[in-house]
Protein backbone atom coordinates (compact mmCIF):
# COMPACT_ATOMS: atom_id res chain seq x y z
CA MET A 1 -15.14 1.34 -18.57
CA LEU A 2 -11.32 1.53 -16.77
CA SER A 3 -9.35 3.93 -15.68
CA ARG A 4 -5.34 4.13 -17.18
CA LEU A 5 -3.22 6.22 -16.40
CA VAL A 6 -2.74 9.65 -18.34
CA LEU A 7 0.63 11.41 -18.36
CA LEU A 8 0.15 15.43 -18.70
CA PRO A 9 2.76 18.10 -19.09
CA PHE A 10 4.09 19.01 -15.87
CA VAL A 11 4.16 23.33 -15.38
CA ALA A 12 6.67 25.04 -12.89
CA LEU A 13 6.02 25.02 -9.03
CA SER A 14 5.02 28.02 -7.89
CA PHE A 15 4.38 27.58 -4.49
CA LEU A 16 4.65 24.21 -2.11
CA SER A 17 1.16 23.43 -0.09
CA PRO A 18 1.26 23.90 3.19
CA THR A 19 -0.57 20.48 3.88
CA SER A 20 1.73 18.69 1.75
CA ALA A 21 3.41 15.88 3.51
CA HIS A 22 3.72 12.11 3.89
CA VAL A 23 2.77 10.30 0.84
CA SER A 24 -0.25 8.05 -0.70
CA ILE A 25 -0.90 6.73 -3.48
CA TRP A 26 -3.31 8.46 -6.12
CA HIS A 27 -5.48 6.57 -8.23
CA PRO A 28 -9.02 7.28 -9.23
CA SER A 29 -10.20 3.53 -8.58
CA MET A 30 -8.96 4.94 -4.43
CA PHE A 31 -11.93 4.77 -1.55
CA GLY A 32 -11.10 8.23 -0.54
CA PHE A 33 -10.00 9.28 -3.68
CA ASN A 34 -11.21 13.31 -3.17
CA VAL A 35 -10.97 12.69 0.39
CA THR A 36 -10.19 16.52 1.22
CA ALA A 37 -9.13 18.35 4.78
CA HIS A 38 -12.16 19.45 5.18
CA THR A 39 -14.43 16.24 4.63
CA PHE A 40 -14.37 15.09 7.77
CA SER A 41 -13.89 16.97 11.44
CA TRP A 42 -10.02 15.59 11.47
CA ASP A 43 -7.46 15.96 8.62
CA ASN A 44 -8.33 12.60 7.12
CA ARG A 45 -6.73 12.61 3.83
CA PRO A 46 -5.50 9.82 2.61
CA VAL A 47 -2.03 11.07 2.70
CA VAL A 48 -2.78 10.96 6.87
CA PRO A 49 -0.92 8.55 8.52
CA LEU A 50 -2.73 6.08 10.97
CA ALA A 51 -1.61 5.63 14.45
CA ASN A 52 -3.32 4.81 17.70
CA LEU A 53 -6.99 4.74 15.99
CA PRO A 54 -9.87 2.88 16.19
CA PHE A 55 -10.17 0.00 13.97
CA THR A 56 -13.01 1.90 12.08
CA LYS A 57 -10.54 4.54 11.65
CA TRP A 58 -8.25 3.25 10.38
CA TRP A 59 -9.25 0.31 8.18
CA PHE A 60 -9.42 1.75 4.67
CA HIS A 61 -8.31 4.95 6.32
CA GLY A 62 -12.20 5.65 7.18
CA HIS A 63 -12.86 5.87 3.52
CA LEU A 64 -15.55 3.22 3.00
CA ASP A 65 -18.29 5.83 2.59
CA TYR A 66 -16.55 7.60 -0.62
CA PRO A 67 -16.20 4.75 -3.03
CA PRO A 68 -14.50 5.04 -6.29
CA HIS A 69 -16.89 5.25 -9.20
CA PRO A 70 -18.05 1.51 -10.09
CA GLY A 71 -16.44 2.02 -13.53
CA ASP A 72 -12.88 3.02 -12.05
CA LEU A 73 -11.22 -0.12 -11.71
CA PHE A 74 -6.93 -0.30 -11.57
CA GLU A 75 -6.11 -2.61 -13.58
CA LEU A 76 -3.54 -5.44 -12.77
CA PRO A 77 -1.98 -7.33 -15.67
CA ALA A 78 -0.88 -11.02 -15.10
CA GLY A 79 3.13 -11.26 -15.35
CA GLY A 80 3.56 -8.10 -16.63
CA LYS A 81 4.21 -4.33 -13.98
CA ALA A 82 1.29 -1.86 -13.73
CA THR A 83 2.71 1.96 -11.75
CA LEU A 84 0.68 4.10 -9.37
CA GLU A 85 1.35 7.59 -8.13
CA VAL A 86 3.01 8.04 -4.99
CA ALA A 87 2.70 11.57 -3.57
CA CYS A 88 2.25 13.94 -0.76
CA ASP A 89 -0.71 15.50 -2.81
CA LYS A 90 -2.60 15.13 -5.63
CA GLY A 91 -1.75 18.22 -7.00
CA PHE A 92 1.42 16.89 -7.60
CA THR A 93 0.29 14.11 -9.90
CA SER A 94 -1.55 13.43 -13.39
CA TYR A 95 -4.83 13.71 -11.81
CA TRP A 96 -3.76 17.11 -10.49
CA ALA A 97 -7.19 18.68 -11.95
CA SER A 98 -9.46 17.22 -8.82
CA ASN A 99 -7.06 18.17 -6.65
CA GLU A 100 -8.22 20.97 -3.96
CA GLY A 101 -5.20 23.31 -4.64
CA GLY A 102 -5.01 22.94 -8.12
CA ASP A 103 -1.88 21.95 -10.03
CA ILE A 104 1.50 22.23 -8.00
CA ARG A 105 3.52 19.89 -9.89
CA SER A 106 7.19 20.10 -10.60
CA SER A 107 8.91 20.70 -14.30
CA ASN A 108 12.19 19.98 -12.67
CA GLN A 109 11.59 17.11 -10.39
CA ARG A 110 8.84 15.23 -12.45
CA ASN A 111 9.30 11.96 -10.10
CA TYR A 112 9.85 12.97 -6.45
CA PRO A 113 6.77 12.74 -4.80
CA CYS A 114 6.95 15.89 -2.77
CA PRO A 115 8.95 18.72 -5.31
CA GLY A 116 9.62 21.22 -3.21
CA SER A 117 10.05 19.50 -0.01
CA PRO A 118 12.95 17.35 1.81
CA THR A 119 12.78 14.04 1.80
CA SER A 120 11.47 14.26 5.64
CA GLN A 121 8.18 15.33 4.28
CA PHE A 122 7.85 11.52 3.46
CA HIS A 123 9.70 9.74 5.95
CA THR A 124 12.54 9.11 4.74
CA VAL A 125 16.29 10.05 5.46
CA ASP A 126 18.08 8.68 2.14
CA GLU A 127 17.26 6.43 -0.90
CA GLN A 128 19.22 3.42 0.91
CA ASP A 129 16.54 4.10 4.02
CA VAL A 130 13.43 3.72 2.07
CA THR A 131 12.19 -0.18 3.05
CA GLY A 132 9.55 -1.03 0.81
CA CYS A 133 5.07 -0.85 0.35
CA ALA A 134 2.93 -3.65 -0.54
CA LEU A 135 -0.36 -4.39 -2.79
CA ALA A 136 -2.64 -6.69 -1.47
CA ILE A 137 -5.80 -8.25 -2.64
CA THR A 138 -8.99 -10.05 -1.80
CA TYR A 139 -11.34 -11.67 -5.06
CA THR A 140 -14.17 -9.52 -2.45
CA PRO A 141 -15.58 -7.42 -4.82
CA ASP A 142 -17.95 -5.21 -1.89
CA ALA A 143 -15.47 -3.85 0.41
CA ARG A 144 -17.39 -3.66 3.16
CA SER A 145 -17.45 -7.64 3.05
CA VAL A 146 -13.67 -7.31 3.56
CA LYS A 147 -11.74 -8.31 6.40
CA PRO A 148 -8.56 -7.95 7.61
CA ASN A 149 -7.48 -11.79 6.91
CA ASP A 150 -8.79 -11.60 3.81
CA PHE A 151 -5.77 -9.66 2.19
CA VAL A 152 -2.91 -11.27 0.33
CA VAL A 153 -0.20 -9.53 -0.71
CA PHE A 154 0.65 -10.14 -4.32
CA SER A 155 3.53 -7.52 -4.76
CA VAL A 156 6.16 -5.48 -3.26
CA ASN A 157 8.25 -2.64 -4.67
CA HIS A 158 11.96 -2.53 -1.92
CA LYS A 159 11.97 1.22 -3.03
CA CYS A 160 8.69 2.48 -2.22
CA VAL A 161 8.22 5.85 -1.88
CA TRP A 162 11.33 7.21 -2.99
CA SER A 163 10.12 7.71 -7.05
CA ARG A 164 6.50 9.39 -7.80
CA MET A 165 5.98 6.92 -10.02
CA THR A 166 6.26 3.58 -8.52
CA GLU A 167 6.26 0.51 -10.50
CA PHE A 168 4.62 -3.38 -9.03
CA GLU A 169 5.14 -6.87 -11.01
CA ILE A 170 2.06 -8.37 -11.27
CA PRO A 171 2.31 -12.54 -10.64
CA GLY A 172 1.77 -14.30 -13.61
CA ASP A 173 -0.88 -16.80 -12.19
CA MET A 174 -3.01 -14.46 -10.90
CA PRO A 175 -6.71 -15.72 -11.64
CA LEU A 176 -9.45 -13.26 -12.72
CA CYS A 177 -11.69 -11.02 -10.97
CA PRO A 178 -15.16 -11.37 -9.99
CA GLU A 179 -18.14 -9.51 -11.48
CA GLY A 180 -17.65 -6.19 -9.91
CA GLY A 181 -14.25 -6.48 -9.36
CA CYS A 182 -11.21 -7.17 -6.82
CA THR A 183 -10.61 -4.91 -3.50
CA CYS A 184 -7.51 -3.94 -3.62
CA ALA A 185 -4.84 -1.95 -0.77
CA TRP A 186 -1.82 0.12 -0.45
CA PHE A 187 0.03 -0.40 2.55
CA TRP A 188 3.34 1.55 3.44
CA ILE A 189 5.06 2.04 6.83
CA HIS A 190 8.64 3.99 7.13
CA SER A 191 12.01 2.70 8.73
CA PRO A 192 12.44 3.56 12.37
CA ARG A 193 15.22 6.52 11.60
CA SER A 194 12.26 8.65 10.21
CA GLY A 195 10.40 9.84 12.43
CA GLU A 196 7.09 9.48 14.51
CA GLU A 197 6.28 5.83 13.54
CA GLN A 198 2.64 5.47 11.78
CA MET A 199 1.07 2.89 9.22
CA TYR A 200 -0.54 4.13 5.79
CA MET A 201 -3.37 1.85 4.25
CA ASN A 202 -5.56 3.38 1.04
CA GLY A 203 -8.30 1.19 -0.21
CA PHE A 204 -8.37 0.50 -4.12
CA LYS A 205 -11.17 -1.00 -6.49
CA CYS A 206 -9.01 -3.30 -9.09
CA THR A 207 -9.09 -6.03 -11.85
CA VAL A 208 -6.96 -8.62 -13.08
CA THR A 209 -6.29 -8.80 -16.74
CA ASN A 210 -4.43 -11.26 -18.74
CA SER A 211 -4.90 -13.50 -16.59
CA ARG A 212 -4.03 -17.33 -18.30
CA PRO A 213 -7.21 -20.24 -18.30
CA GLY A 214 -7.36 -22.31 -14.93
CA ALA A 215 -5.47 -19.84 -13.24
CA PRO A 216 -4.65 -21.08 -8.89
CA ALA A 217 -6.43 -19.57 -6.44
CA LEU A 218 -4.71 -17.51 -3.90
CA ALA A 219 -3.48 -19.88 -0.77
CA ARG A 220 -4.96 -18.51 2.65
CA PRO A 221 -2.42 -16.08 3.92
CA GLN A 222 -0.27 -16.23 7.20
CA LEU A 223 1.26 -13.71 9.16
CA ALA A 224 4.76 -12.62 8.35
CA ARG A 225 7.73 -13.35 10.75
CA ARG A 226 10.83 -10.91 11.39
CA CYS A 227 13.56 -13.64 10.12
CA GLY A 228 15.77 -11.40 7.91
CA PHE A 229 19.01 -9.58 9.10
CA ASP A 230 18.06 -6.52 11.05
CA LYS A 231 20.12 -3.34 10.28
CA TYR A 232 18.29 -1.10 12.72
CA ASN A 233 18.78 -3.39 15.55
CA ASN A 234 21.80 -5.48 14.50
CA VAL A 235 19.86 -9.11 14.63
CA GLN A 236 21.25 -11.24 12.35
CA ALA A 237 18.68 -13.32 9.98
CA ASP A 238 17.23 -16.38 11.13
CA PRO A 239 16.28 -17.96 8.32
CA LYS A 240 14.13 -20.76 9.33
CA ASN A 241 11.90 -18.38 11.01
CA CYS A 242 10.65 -16.94 7.94
CA THR A 243 6.82 -16.91 6.63
CA GLN A 244 6.68 -18.91 3.03
CA GLY A 245 4.01 -18.24 0.88
CA ALA A 246 1.14 -15.63 1.17
CA LYS A 247 1.62 -13.86 3.57
CA LEU A 248 -1.04 -10.99 4.98
CA PRO A 249 -0.10 -7.32 5.10
CA PHE A 250 0.68 -5.85 8.71
CA TYR A 251 -1.44 -4.20 10.85
CA TRP A 252 0.71 -2.39 13.14
CA LYS A 253 0.29 0.66 15.56
CA GLN A 254 -3.61 0.94 16.49
CA ALA A 255 -5.91 1.15 19.05
CA GLU A 256 -7.48 -1.93 18.41
CA GLY A 257 -7.01 -4.41 15.28
CA ASN A 258 -3.51 -5.07 15.68
CA SER A 259 -1.89 -8.36 14.39
CA MET A 260 1.46 -7.15 14.55
CA PHE A 261 3.40 -5.97 17.85
CA GLU A 262 6.63 -5.17 17.29
CA GLY A 263 8.22 -2.68 19.06
CA TYR A 264 7.61 1.21 18.05
CA TYR A 265 11.50 1.09 16.83
CA SER A 266 11.21 -2.29 15.43
CA PRO A 267 8.33 -1.75 12.79
CA PRO A 268 7.64 -4.62 10.51
CA LEU A 269 8.22 -3.52 6.76
CA TYR A 270 7.68 -4.77 3.47
CA ASN A 271 11.00 -5.95 2.49
CA GLU A 272 13.64 -9.31 3.40
CA LEU A 273 13.57 -8.27 6.78
CA TYR A 274 10.07 -9.84 6.84
CA ASN A 275 10.87 -12.86 3.87
CA PHE A 276 9.10 -9.73 0.87
CA LYS A 277 10.81 -10.31 -1.82
CA HIS A 278 11.45 -7.39 -4.22
CA GLY A 279 8.53 -8.00 -6.83
CA ALA A 280 5.84 -10.05 -7.75
CA GLN A 281 5.10 -12.73 -4.57
CA ASN A 282 4.83 -15.83 -7.14
CA ASP A 283 4.56 -17.87 -3.81
CA ILE A 284 0.93 -16.91 -3.04
CA PHE A 285 -1.29 -19.63 -4.70
CA VAL A 286 -2.40 -23.34 -3.61
CA THR A 287 -0.11 -24.14 -5.66
CA SER A 288 2.41 -22.81 -4.22
CA GLN A 289 5.11 -24.76 -1.87
CA PRO A 290 3.44 -25.39 1.36
CA GLN A 291 3.27 -22.91 3.93
CA LYS A 292 5.19 -22.95 7.36
CA PRO A 293 2.69 -22.88 10.06
CA CYS A 294 2.25 -19.59 11.71
CA SER A 295 3.58 -19.88 15.19
CA VAL A 296 2.15 -16.22 16.29
CA LYS A 297 -1.34 -15.28 17.64
CA ALA A 298 -2.87 -12.37 15.92
CA GLN A 299 -5.28 -10.58 17.78
CA SER A 300 -8.68 -10.75 17.08
CA PHE A 301 -10.50 -8.17 14.87
CA LYS A 302 -13.13 -6.11 16.19
CA GLU A 303 -16.30 -7.09 13.81
CA ARG A 304 -18.16 -4.18 11.97
């Protein structure tokens, strides 16, 4: 059956979990939903950031051996909106019952991703410092067969990760998923003002609902190029350099498998700096306007 978001009553926060830092999405459809700090020989919880790792450790956060139950699919209503919970700890979310540390929600910080902690816990100086996060999809049911170039970014929220309840708009032309569902992933890279630079990726199983008959297929995604105003380096916008149409997620700052090679203080971001508009990415289909060819050559990905 399909998992649906259930809001539960909040209780007072009596303590802050010492492991609460960084952020992740939380939903039973996730790979690694029940991974704890003790599952691996290193701390590989979903909230742990990814940096300078070999491909097998950062791809799907190394959680491919910890898949969701086959019936747990996150619904993506074509032309509608879907809400994911983003938090520093599962105990801050509606899914606290399966959290190792139990219920640590706050009654007076209901929509804050890290109750009891400063914004630095999720790499953010203030609300103007958030840089956006993205959802990507591939119409491949078997996550183990998914390759990095298969993902297409279909929704972006420029205010992510400021709020626990984060809403994503879904393109109206999304086609139905095959039997077994689609494979999705959440991606986030924070601003260079906000602590050590890292990448975040969490995979999950998803399904498209409310799809119209004859919905077009997704176009082949291209690398996104930096083309908007860069406020961190005071570089003016160059609209002619924008990648149009379907775009890949960013694979950055890892030991292998990178597709983006920007410097440490110039991270790729899911906002207008790379021509990612807020909301549904409605130009990702084969019926969309022709894509501008990508002139950036990506590093070859390591085969698994």
